[in-house]
Amino acid sequence: MKRITYSCILLILVGLTLGSCKKPRSDIGAILFKETKNKVFKKVDSVAYYKVFKELLAAEKDNLSNSSLIQEFYTTNGYEPYFIVNFTKDKQLLNVVDHYAQAPAHGLSPELFNHAELAPLVAKLYGKKDIKTVDEAYKVIARTELLTANSLIKYATAMQYGIVNPRKIFARYYMKTAKPDSAFMQKVFAITDIKSFLDTIQPSGDQYKKLQAALASNYIYTGMTAEETKKVIGLNLERLRWKNKPTTDRYVWVNIPDYMLTYVENGKPALTMKVCVGKGPEQSQADADFDESEESVRPHNHTTPQLSSAINNAQVNPVWNIPESIAKNEIYAHVMKDPYYLVNNSINVYTKSGSQVDADDIDWSDVDKNNIPYSFKQAPGDDNSLGKIKFQFPNSSSVYLHDTPAQKPFALPVRAVSHGCVRVEKPLELAHALFGDGEKYNLVKEEMTESNPSARDISLSQPVPVFLDYMTAFADAAGQVQIRPDVYKLDDVLYRRIRKALAYK
């Protein structure tokens, strides 16, 4: 008899232990009734609600932006309505709806965050008599919960990382750009103060604030309509949300559409100069969208790539290793017209194995333009296309900043004239900014004036970050918003992708 009694006690204790491990269930109906005074919520049964929500979650699986994350959270938490339970009080859910309504201040549509559907649902939830039956209550609670979760993840991601992943849409984009991970998105399910969370994730950079102010004031740029100005500012607000901007207080920044270089030191512009950038693409290339998985099929063109790297050395009196594309499309044509072109331009010819050959010994009429068995190098000198100095930084596009003997293009308003590299107006001043006073800078100056020049690499003691960026709208040093022509048609590509995101919200 004692054995039976002890067994019963043991079973009871185990049952109590297991029961205590379960997460406590919220009385959803009581929470909603307390806030809204709608008596229908008194009839809400939490278990019945969980069933309705589970079915909705399964039905909407393919329509959720982050389906696996959302599914995992609610499955793990027994389909508990996290946002309804925690943020119905004091009408906190209205803060969410209000922030979505302000999306145009960021150049975005509220519909990216399901505002048109969520706003009336939240209003109905808080209405004292808007929900008439318990079945309607289950549906409104479930849909409000799911839409809030999904849209909050989208909104937080948009504010902190942007709507679009630039790597997936631009043909020549090599900037280090952080992307949201699951840890960031899970923060949505750890919110304790929803207003504070929404306020904290707002972009706060100086450039962003100035563009927002221009948008709010209905600013119209000279020569543009109000709608055109609004569109361009909105697109550049998106660019500013991408996490690809300088985080140090010393760097070189080239804005491709502005044809300008700025050297920043101690967080402030210390030197500016004109630059010439790569020629614009053919229209067929500009109209194309690209995916990073399609790298091998991207068309070659002379646009300057968007990239981030660090300048680590300068080559004084550089040798120009002429790219195969230029040899095929330009050098070959010059040689066929003028047999002295190579000699007159100090261009040496090499076999593929690296042996130099005499250009006069080559019968160019026998050379296949599409399969030239030679490489070409332009020797240092006054006529070298890279001028007296080039500033080098690691990148897959083989571009750099460099001097040039061709000074006339710096007087042009549109300076998209190069093969992709960036020509700088004041190379010696840039060298001084990078090297500072001292032995290395003095060596640069001395070597640049050599009458019998030879290439010499001079390394920086500390690499300087460099950004080749693309901003068609920005605030200048005086705080005035400037807009530049979309020379590479990248605004068009970005606009179409944002519109696509809206279509598949």
Protein backbone atom coordinates (compact mmCIF):
# COMPACT_ATOMS: atom_id res chain seq x y z
CA MET A 1 0.00 0.00 0.00
CA LYS A 2 2.87 2.35 0.88
CA ARG A 3 4.52 1.54 -2.47
CA ILE A 4 1.35 2.64 -4.32
CA THR A 5 1.14 5.81 -2.25
CA TYR A 6 4.77 6.74 -2.95
CA SER A 7 4.22 6.08 -6.67
CA CYS A 8 1.21 8.36 -6.74
CA ILE A 9 3.10 11.13 -4.97
CA LEU A 10 5.99 10.77 -7.41
CA LEU A 11 3.66 11.04 -10.41
CA ILE A 12 2.02 14.14 -8.95
CA LEU A 13 5.41 15.79 -8.36
CA VAL A 14 6.57 15.00 -11.91
CA GLY A 15 3.35 16.41 -13.29
CA LEU A 16 3.74 19.59 -11.31
CA THR A 17 7.36 19.93 -12.43
CA LEU A 18 6.52 19.47 -16.09
CA GLY A 19 3.61 21.86 -15.81
CA SER A 20 5.79 24.52 -14.27
CA CYS A 21 8.17 24.37 -17.28
CA LYS A 22 5.47 25.50 -19.70
CA LYS A 23 5.34 29.18 -20.55
CA PRO A 24 2.34 30.87 -18.96
CA ARG A 25 -0.48 31.59 -21.37
CA SER A 26 -1.78 35.14 -21.67
CA ASP A 27 -5.45 35.90 -21.23
CA ILE A 28 -5.72 37.63 -24.60
CA GLY A 29 -9.37 38.51 -24.19
CA ALA A 30 -8.86 40.13 -20.79
CA ILE A 31 -5.94 42.20 -22.07
CA LEU A 32 -7.94 43.50 -25.02
CA PHE A 33 -11.10 44.15 -23.01
CA LYS A 34 -9.15 46.15 -20.42
CA GLU A 35 -7.78 48.41 -23.15
CA THR A 36 -10.80 48.69 -25.48
CA LYS A 37 -13.86 47.97 -23.27
CA ASN A 38 -15.29 45.92 -26.15
CA LYS A 39 -17.25 43.14 -24.40
CA VAL A 40 -16.76 40.77 -27.33
CA PHE A 41 -13.18 40.28 -26.17
CA LYS A 42 -14.48 38.73 -22.91
CA LYS A 43 -15.57 35.75 -25.00
CA VAL A 44 -12.16 35.24 -26.58
CA ASP A 45 -10.67 31.88 -25.70
CA SER A 46 -6.87 31.83 -26.00
CA VAL A 47 -6.73 28.21 -27.15
CA ALA A 48 -9.27 28.89 -29.89
CA TYR A 49 -7.24 31.93 -30.95
CA TYR A 50 -4.04 29.89 -31.20
CA LYS A 51 -5.78 27.58 -33.64
CA VAL A 52 -6.92 30.50 -35.82
CA PHE A 53 -3.47 32.08 -35.80
CA LYS A 54 -1.74 28.80 -36.62
CA GLU A 55 -3.97 28.38 -39.67
CA LEU A 56 -3.34 31.98 -40.79
CA LEU A 57 0.41 31.56 -40.36
CA ALA A 58 0.36 28.49 -42.59
CA ALA A 59 -1.84 30.18 -45.20
CA GLU A 60 0.36 33.31 -45.38
CA LYS A 61 3.68 31.47 -45.33
CA ASP A 62 4.63 32.43 -48.89
CA ASN A 63 3.58 36.07 -48.43
CA LEU A 64 5.84 36.83 -45.48
CA SER A 65 9.08 38.71 -46.02
CA ASN A 66 10.96 36.64 -43.47
CA SER A 67 8.80 33.56 -43.31
CA SER A 68 11.19 31.15 -41.59
CA LEU A 69 12.05 33.63 -38.82
CA ILE A 70 8.42 34.47 -38.14
CA GLN A 71 7.31 30.83 -38.30
CA GLU A 72 10.03 29.79 -35.88
CA PHE A 73 9.22 32.52 -33.37
CA TYR A 74 5.51 31.80 -33.16
CA THR A 75 5.90 28.03 -33.24
CA THR A 76 8.46 28.16 -30.43
CA ASN A 77 6.21 30.46 -28.38
CA GLY A 78 3.04 28.46 -28.85
CA TYR A 79 1.46 31.05 -31.19
CA GLU A 80 1.28 33.61 -28.40
CA PRO A 81 0.39 37.06 -29.89
CA TYR A 82 3.54 38.90 -28.79
CA PHE A 83 2.60 42.34 -30.11
CA ILE A 84 -1.05 42.21 -29.05
CA VAL A 85 -0.14 41.11 -25.53
CA ASN A 86 2.73 43.55 -25.02
CA PHE A 87 1.74 46.63 -26.99
CA THR A 88 -2.04 46.95 -27.02
CA LYS A 89 -1.83 48.97 -23.83
CA ASP A 90 -1.92 52.76 -24.19
CA LYS A 91 -2.60 52.34 -27.91
CA GLN A 92 1.07 51.63 -28.58
CA LEU A 93 0.23 49.83 -31.82
CA LEU A 94 -0.88 53.19 -33.21
CA ASN A 95 2.78 54.26 -33.00
CA VAL A 96 3.59 51.55 -35.51
CA VAL A 97 0.88 52.66 -37.92
CA ASP A 98 1.89 56.32 -37.53
CA HIS A 99 5.53 55.58 -38.37
CA TYR A 100 4.49 53.73 -41.51
CA ALA A 101 2.34 56.69 -42.53
CA GLN A 102 5.47 58.88 -42.32
CA ALA A 103 7.37 56.67 -44.80
CA PRO A 104 7.18 59.41 -47.52
CA ALA A 105 9.58 61.44 -45.33
CA HIS A 106 12.10 58.73 -46.22
CA GLY A 107 11.18 58.73 -49.89
CA LEU A 108 9.24 55.48 -49.44
CA SER A 109 5.65 54.38 -49.83
CA PRO A 110 3.72 53.35 -46.68
CA GLU A 111 2.49 50.38 -48.69
CA LEU A 112 5.93 48.80 -48.47
CA PHE A 113 4.87 48.15 -44.88
CA ASN A 114 1.24 47.13 -45.48
CA HIS A 115 -0.06 50.39 -44.04
CA ALA A 116 -3.35 50.37 -45.96
CA GLU A 117 -4.32 47.00 -44.48
CA LEU A 118 -2.80 47.35 -41.02
CA ALA A 119 -4.14 50.82 -40.17
CA PRO A 120 -7.86 49.88 -40.30
CA LEU A 121 -7.16 46.61 -38.48
CA VAL A 122 -5.51 48.44 -35.59
CA ALA A 123 -8.32 51.02 -35.54
CA LYS A 124 -10.89 48.23 -35.42
CA LEU A 125 -8.99 46.48 -32.65
CA TYR A 126 -9.15 49.60 -30.46
CA GLY A 127 -12.76 50.47 -31.36
CA LYS A 128 -15.21 49.83 -28.53
CA LYS A 129 -17.93 48.49 -30.81
CA ASP A 130 -16.19 47.84 -34.12
CA ILE A 131 -15.76 44.09 -33.61
CA LYS A 132 -19.18 42.45 -33.35
CA THR A 133 -18.53 38.72 -32.93
CA VAL A 134 -15.92 36.50 -31.32
CA ASP A 135 -15.12 34.90 -34.70
CA GLU A 136 -14.39 38.35 -36.10
CA ALA A 137 -12.26 39.07 -33.03
CA TYR A 138 -10.10 35.99 -33.65
CA LYS A 139 -9.53 37.01 -37.26
CA VAL A 140 -8.70 40.66 -36.46
CA ILE A 141 -6.34 39.74 -33.61
CA ALA A 142 -4.54 37.12 -35.69
CA ARG A 143 -4.15 39.27 -38.78
CA THR A 144 -3.07 42.33 -36.79
CA GLU A 145 -0.45 40.26 -34.97
CA LEU A 146 0.98 38.70 -38.11
CA LEU A 147 1.00 41.92 -40.15
CA THR A 148 2.63 43.81 -37.29
CA ALA A 149 5.41 41.24 -36.98
CA ASN A 150 6.05 41.07 -40.72
CA SER A 151 5.89 44.80 -41.36
CA LEU A 152 8.04 45.72 -38.35
CA ILE A 153 10.85 43.49 -39.60
CA LYS A 154 10.55 45.09 -43.05
CA TYR A 155 10.44 48.60 -41.60
CA ALA A 156 13.41 48.10 -39.27
CA THR A 157 15.41 46.57 -42.12
CA ALA A 158 14.46 49.41 -44.48
CA MET A 159 15.48 52.11 -42.01
CA GLN A 160 18.79 50.50 -41.08
CA TYR A 161 19.85 48.79 -44.33
CA GLY A 162 17.59 50.04 -47.13
CA ILE A 163 14.90 48.41 -49.24
CA VAL A 164 17.26 47.21 -51.98
CA ASN A 165 20.49 45.22 -51.90
CA PRO A 166 22.75 47.23 -54.27
CA ARG A 167 24.92 44.21 -55.01
CA LYS A 168 21.98 42.58 -56.72
CA ILE A 169 21.07 45.39 -59.09
CA PHE A 170 24.24 47.20 -60.16
CA ALA A 171 26.65 45.77 -62.71
CA ARG A 172 29.80 47.23 -61.18
CA TYR A 173 29.22 47.50 -57.44
CA TYR A 174 32.07 46.50 -55.12
CA MET A 175 31.44 48.52 -51.98
CA LYS A 176 31.54 46.73 -48.65
CA THR A 177 27.88 46.84 -47.68
CA ALA A 178 26.51 45.27 -44.51
CA LYS A 179 23.31 43.27 -44.86
CA PRO A 180 20.73 42.49 -42.16
CA ASP A 181 21.12 39.12 -40.48
CA SER A 182 18.71 37.04 -38.42
CA ALA A 183 20.13 38.48 -35.18
CA PHE A 184 19.10 41.98 -36.29
CA MET A 185 15.62 40.85 -37.34
CA GLN A 186 15.08 38.96 -34.10
CA LYS A 187 15.41 42.25 -32.22
CA VAL A 188 11.85 42.94 -33.33
CA PHE A 189 10.70 40.10 -31.07
CA ALA A 190 12.62 41.49 -28.11
CA ILE A 191 11.13 45.01 -28.14
CA THR A 192 10.18 46.32 -24.71
CA ASP A 193 9.33 49.90 -25.69
CA ILE A 194 7.93 50.08 -29.20
CA LYS A 195 8.10 53.88 -29.54
CA SER A 196 11.71 53.94 -28.40
CA PHE A 197 12.57 51.14 -30.81
CA LEU A 198 10.96 52.93 -33.76
CA ASP A 199 12.69 56.19 -32.88
CA THR A 200 16.08 54.52 -32.42
CA ILE A 201 16.15 52.89 -35.86
CA GLN A 202 15.56 56.16 -37.73
CA PRO A 203 18.54 57.19 -39.92
CA SER A 204 20.29 60.13 -38.32
CA GLY A 205 23.24 61.11 -40.55
CA ASP A 206 23.75 64.76 -41.45
CA GLN A 207 23.35 64.16 -45.20
CA TYR A 208 20.19 62.16 -44.56
CA LYS A 209 18.65 64.89 -42.42
CA LYS A 210 19.41 67.56 -45.01
CA LEU A 211 17.84 65.56 -47.83
CA GLN A 212 14.82 64.86 -45.64
CA ALA A 213 14.47 68.57 -44.91
CA ALA A 214 14.55 69.34 -48.64
CA LEU A 215 11.88 66.72 -49.23
CA ALA A 216 9.69 68.12 -46.45
CA SER A 217 9.99 71.67 -47.80
CA ASN A 218 8.92 70.58 -51.32
CA TYR A 219 12.29 71.73 -52.60
CA ILE A 220 12.49 72.06 -56.39
CA TYR A 221 15.92 71.92 -58.00
CA THR A 222 16.71 74.30 -60.85
CA GLY A 223 15.63 72.89 -64.19
CA MET A 224 13.58 70.08 -62.65
CA THR A 225 9.93 69.64 -61.75
CA ALA A 226 8.77 69.10 -58.18
CA GLU A 227 8.08 65.43 -58.92
CA GLU A 228 11.49 64.87 -60.52
CA THR A 229 13.24 66.49 -57.56
CA LYS A 230 11.24 64.42 -55.09
CA LYS A 231 12.08 61.21 -56.95
CA VAL A 232 15.84 61.86 -57.06
CA ILE A 233 16.00 62.85 -53.39
CA GLY A 234 14.06 59.72 -52.46
CA LEU A 235 16.45 57.49 -54.38
CA ASN A 236 19.45 59.03 -52.66
CA LEU A 237 17.86 58.63 -49.24
CA GLU A 238 17.80 54.93 -50.10
CA ARG A 239 21.51 55.07 -50.98
CA LEU A 240 22.24 56.72 -47.63
CA ARG A 241 20.49 53.87 -45.82
CA TRP A 242 22.93 51.35 -47.26
CA LYS A 243 25.67 50.58 -44.77
CA ASN A 244 28.54 51.35 -47.15
CA LYS A 245 29.60 54.83 -46.07
CA PRO A 246 32.84 55.91 -44.35
CA THR A 247 33.09 55.14 -40.65
CA THR A 248 36.52 56.72 -40.10
CA ASP A 249 37.41 60.42 -39.88
CA ARG A 250 40.03 60.25 -42.67
CA TYR A 251 39.26 59.07 -46.18
CA VAL A 252 39.08 59.94 -49.87
CA TRP A 253 35.59 60.16 -51.34
CA VAL A 254 34.83 60.42 -55.05
CA ASN A 255 31.26 61.19 -56.07
CA ILE A 256 31.02 59.92 -59.64
CA PRO A 257 28.01 61.99 -60.87
CA ASP A 258 29.46 65.14 -59.30
CA TYR A 259 32.89 64.58 -60.90
CA MET A 260 34.50 65.66 -57.63
CA LEU A 261 36.96 64.24 -55.11
CA THR A 262 36.97 65.19 -51.44
CA TYR A 263 39.75 64.36 -49.02
CA VAL A 264 38.39 64.26 -45.47
CA GLU A 265 40.61 64.63 -42.40
CA ASN A 266 39.43 64.74 -38.79
CA GLY A 267 35.93 64.31 -40.12
CA LYS A 268 36.01 67.51 -42.19
CA PRO A 269 36.73 68.23 -45.88
CA ALA A 270 40.38 69.29 -46.17
CA LEU A 271 40.83 69.18 -49.96
CA THR A 272 38.51 69.09 -52.98
CA MET A 273 39.24 68.79 -56.67
CA LYS A 274 37.66 67.98 -60.00
CA VAL A 275 37.94 64.48 -61.41
CA CYS A 276 37.24 62.78 -64.71
CA VAL A 277 35.48 59.42 -64.50
CA GLY A 278 34.62 56.60 -66.88
CA LYS A 279 32.40 57.08 -69.90
CA GLY A 280 28.73 56.27 -69.49
CA PRO A 281 27.36 52.89 -70.63
CA GLU A 282 25.36 52.12 -73.72
CA GLN A 283 21.65 52.51 -73.06
CA SER A 284 21.06 48.76 -73.37
CA GLN A 285 23.54 48.21 -70.55
CA ALA A 286 22.13 51.01 -68.42
CA ASP A 287 18.66 49.50 -68.64
CA ALA A 288 19.77 46.08 -67.43
CA ASP A 289 19.37 44.79 -63.88
CA PHE A 290 22.03 42.43 -62.59
CA ASP A 291 22.42 39.86 -59.85
CA GLU A 292 25.66 39.15 -58.02
CA SER A 293 25.34 35.50 -59.11
CA GLU A 294 25.66 36.61 -62.74
CA GLU A 295 29.10 38.20 -62.44
CA SER A 296 30.53 36.35 -65.43
CA VAL A 297 27.91 37.64 -67.86
CA ARG A 298 28.06 41.30 -66.92
CA PRO A 299 28.93 43.42 -69.93
CA HIS A 300 32.24 45.24 -70.09
CA ASN A 301 32.00 49.00 -70.26
CA HIS A 302 34.04 52.02 -69.24
CA THR A 303 31.92 53.13 -66.29
CA THR A 304 33.83 53.77 -63.09
CA PRO A 305 32.77 51.10 -60.59
CA GLN A 306 31.27 51.85 -57.22
CA LEU A 307 33.79 50.46 -54.77
CA SER A 308 35.45 50.84 -51.40
CA SER A 309 39.06 50.01 -50.65
CA ALA A 310 42.14 51.67 -49.15
CA ILE A 311 44.94 53.56 -50.91
CA ASN A 312 48.15 51.84 -49.85
CA ASN A 313 50.76 53.27 -52.23
CA ALA A 314 51.51 55.64 -55.06
CA GLN A 315 53.49 54.84 -58.18
CA VAL A 316 55.44 57.86 -59.37
CA ASN A 317 56.19 57.96 -63.11
CA PRO A 318 53.89 55.00 -63.67
CA VAL A 319 54.01 52.42 -66.42
CA TRP A 320 50.62 51.99 -68.05
CA ASN A 321 49.78 48.34 -68.59
CA ILE A 322 47.27 48.79 -71.38
CA PRO A 323 44.17 46.59 -70.89
CA GLU A 324 43.37 44.02 -73.57
CA SER A 325 40.05 45.70 -74.31
CA ILE A 326 41.81 49.00 -75.12
CA ALA A 327 44.46 47.19 -77.16
CA LYS A 328 41.75 45.49 -79.20
CA ASN A 329 39.37 48.43 -79.61
CA GLU A 330 41.79 51.36 -79.83
CA ILE A 331 45.52 50.55 -80.09
CA TYR A 332 45.01 48.13 -82.98
CA ALA A 333 43.06 50.72 -84.98
CA HIS A 334 45.74 53.38 -84.38
CA VAL A 335 48.52 51.02 -85.47
CA MET A 336 46.70 50.09 -88.68
CA LYS A 337 46.37 53.78 -89.57
CA ASP A 338 49.81 54.93 -88.40
CA PRO A 339 52.78 52.52 -88.26
CA TYR A 340 54.66 54.99 -86.04
CA TYR A 341 51.87 55.33 -83.47
CA LEU A 342 53.49 53.00 -80.92
CA VAL A 343 56.93 54.61 -81.10
CA ASN A 344 55.55 58.14 -81.03
CA ASN A 345 53.54 57.35 -77.90
CA SER A 346 56.29 55.42 -76.08
CA ILE A 347 54.29 52.20 -76.20
CA ASN A 348 56.34 49.01 -75.99
CA VAL A 349 55.18 45.63 -77.27
CA TYR A 350 55.63 42.32 -75.42
CA THR A 351 54.92 38.69 -76.18
CA LYS A 352 52.56 36.85 -73.87
CA SER A 353 55.62 35.33 -72.20
CA GLY A 354 56.88 38.83 -71.35
CA SER A 355 59.66 39.31 -73.90
CA GLN A 356 59.85 42.74 -75.51
CA VAL A 357 59.69 42.78 -79.31
CA ASP A 358 60.34 45.48 -81.89
CA ALA A 359 57.01 46.81 -83.16
CA ASP A 360 58.60 47.44 -86.58
CA ASP A 361 59.16 43.69 -86.98
CA ILE A 362 55.45 42.93 -86.69
CA ASP A 363 53.20 42.71 -89.75
CA TRP A 364 50.05 44.06 -88.16
CA SER A 365 47.92 43.11 -91.18
CA ASP A 366 48.47 39.47 -90.19
CA VAL A 367 47.37 40.07 -86.59
CA ASP A 368 43.81 39.09 -85.63
CA LYS A 369 42.21 42.02 -83.81
CA ASN A 370 40.20 39.64 -81.65
CA ASN A 371 43.21 37.53 -80.72
CA ILE A 372 46.21 39.86 -80.44
CA PRO A 373 49.22 37.79 -79.27
CA TYR A 374 50.88 40.80 -77.66
CA SER A 375 50.56 43.01 -74.61
CA PHE A 376 51.32 46.74 -74.55
CA LYS A 377 52.93 49.00 -71.98
CA GLN A 378 53.35 52.76 -72.14
CA ALA A 379 56.66 53.91 -70.66
CA PRO A 380 56.89 56.70 -68.06
CA GLY A 381 57.10 60.22 -69.43
CA ASP A 382 55.25 63.42 -70.19
CA ASP A 383 52.87 61.69 -72.61
CA ASN A 384 52.02 58.74 -70.39
CA SER A 385 48.24 58.48 -70.08
CA LEU A 386 48.55 58.09 -66.30
CA GLY A 387 50.57 61.29 -65.99
CA LYS A 388 53.24 61.54 -63.33
CA ILE A 389 51.59 59.57 -60.53
CA LYS A 390 48.89 57.03 -59.80
CA PHE A 391 47.37 56.17 -56.43
CA GLN A 392 46.77 52.46 -56.05
CA PHE A 393 44.30 50.45 -53.97
CA PRO A 394 43.26 46.78 -54.14
CA ASN A 395 40.21 46.17 -56.33
CA SER A 396 39.00 43.62 -58.85
CA SER A 397 38.34 46.25 -61.55
CA SER A 398 41.99 47.36 -61.87
CA VAL A 399 41.09 51.02 -61.45
CA TYR A 400 43.00 53.72 -59.61
CA LEU A 401 43.27 57.48 -59.17
CA HIS A 402 45.85 59.08 -61.43
CA ASP A 403 47.34 62.20 -62.96
CA THR A 404 46.82 62.89 -66.67
CA PRO A 405 48.46 64.94 -69.44
CA ALA A 406 44.97 65.61 -70.82
CA GLN A 407 43.96 68.69 -68.83
CA LYS A 408 41.23 70.13 -71.08
CA PRO A 409 38.45 67.76 -69.89
CA PHE A 410 38.69 69.27 -66.40
CA ALA A 411 37.06 72.40 -67.85
CA LEU A 412 34.06 70.41 -69.08
CA PRO A 413 30.79 70.29 -67.11
CA VAL A 414 30.40 66.58 -67.94
CA ARG A 415 33.66 64.81 -67.19
CA ALA A 416 32.75 61.19 -67.96
CA VAL A 417 35.61 60.71 -70.43
CA SER A 418 37.98 58.01 -69.15
CA HIS A 419 38.21 54.24 -69.58
CA GLY A 420 37.06 53.74 -65.98
CA CYS A 421 39.91 55.04 -63.84
CA VAL A 422 39.59 58.37 -62.03
CA ARG A 423 41.75 61.24 -63.29
CA VAL A 424 42.51 63.80 -60.59
CA GLU A 425 42.93 67.52 -61.17
CA LYS A 426 45.51 68.15 -58.42
CA PRO A 427 47.67 65.02 -58.07
CA LEU A 428 50.49 66.67 -56.13
CA GLU A 429 48.07 68.18 -53.61
CA LEU A 430 46.43 64.79 -53.17
CA ALA A 431 49.86 63.22 -52.63
CA HIS A 432 50.60 65.82 -49.97
CA ALA A 433 47.30 65.11 -48.23
CA LEU A 434 47.97 61.36 -48.23
CA PHE A 435 51.68 61.37 -47.35
CA GLY A 436 51.86 64.55 -45.30
CA ASP A 437 55.05 66.55 -44.87
CA GLY A 438 58.25 64.56 -44.73
CA GLU A 439 60.67 62.34 -46.58
CA LYS A 440 58.14 60.36 -48.61
CA TYR A 441 56.28 63.39 -49.90
CA ASN A 442 59.58 65.09 -50.78
CA LEU A 443 60.55 61.96 -52.70
CA VAL A 444 57.26 62.07 -54.61
CA LYS A 445 57.86 65.69 -55.62
CA GLU A 446 61.43 64.97 -56.66
CA GLU A 447 60.57 61.89 -58.72
CA MET A 448 57.71 63.68 -60.52
CA THR A 449 60.18 66.20 -61.94
CA GLU A 450 62.79 63.66 -63.11
CA SER A 451 63.96 64.29 -66.68
CA ASN A 452 64.71 60.59 -67.17
CA PRO A 453 61.80 59.06 -65.27
CA SER A 454 61.41 55.48 -64.13
CA ALA A 455 58.54 53.94 -62.22
CA ARG A 456 58.86 53.97 -58.44
CA ASP A 457 56.40 52.69 -55.82
CA ILE A 458 56.15 54.63 -52.57
CA SER A 459 53.97 53.12 -49.87
CA LEU A 460 51.82 55.03 -47.41
CA SER A 461 52.70 54.50 -43.77
CA GLN A 462 48.98 54.08 -43.10
CA PRO A 463 46.43 53.04 -45.77
CA VAL A 464 43.72 55.63 -46.39
CA PRO A 465 40.16 54.42 -47.08
CA VAL A 466 38.83 55.36 -50.52
CA PHE A 467 35.23 55.35 -51.73
CA LEU A 468 34.09 55.64 -55.32
CA ASP A 469 30.45 56.42 -54.67
CA TYR A 470 27.39 57.38 -56.71
CA MET A 471 25.14 60.09 -55.24
CA THR A 472 22.94 62.10 -57.59
CA ALA A 473 21.54 64.20 -54.72
CA PHE A 474 23.56 65.46 -51.77
CA ALA A 475 24.01 68.46 -49.50
CA ASP A 476 27.06 70.59 -50.28
CA ALA A 477 29.39 72.20 -47.73
CA ALA A 478 26.93 75.08 -47.30
CA GLY A 479 24.07 72.67 -46.59
CA GLN A 480 22.37 73.33 -49.93
CA VAL A 481 20.95 70.27 -51.67
CA GLN A 482 22.53 69.68 -55.08
CA ILE A 483 21.31 67.33 -57.81
CA ARG A 484 23.46 65.93 -60.59
CA PRO A 485 22.54 64.20 -63.87
CA ASP A 486 22.33 60.42 -63.66
CA VAL A 487 25.32 59.87 -65.95
CA TYR A 488 25.28 56.06 -65.66
CA LYS A 489 21.46 55.72 -65.51
CA LEU A 490 21.74 54.00 -62.14
CA ASP A 491 18.84 56.02 -60.72
CA ASP A 492 16.63 54.35 -63.31
CA VAL A 493 17.77 50.89 -62.22
CA LEU A 494 17.27 51.69 -58.53
CA TYR A 495 13.85 53.24 -59.09
CA ARG A 496 12.60 50.19 -60.97
CA ARG A 497 13.80 47.86 -58.23
CA ILE A 498 12.09 49.88 -55.48
CA ARG A 499 8.89 49.85 -57.54
CA LYS A 500 9.27 46.10 -57.86
CA ALA A 501 9.62 45.79 -54.08
CA LEU A 502 6.35 47.72 -53.74
CA ALA A 503 4.60 45.36 -56.16
CA TYR A 504 5.70 42.36 -54.09
CA LYS A 505 5.27 43.88 -50.65
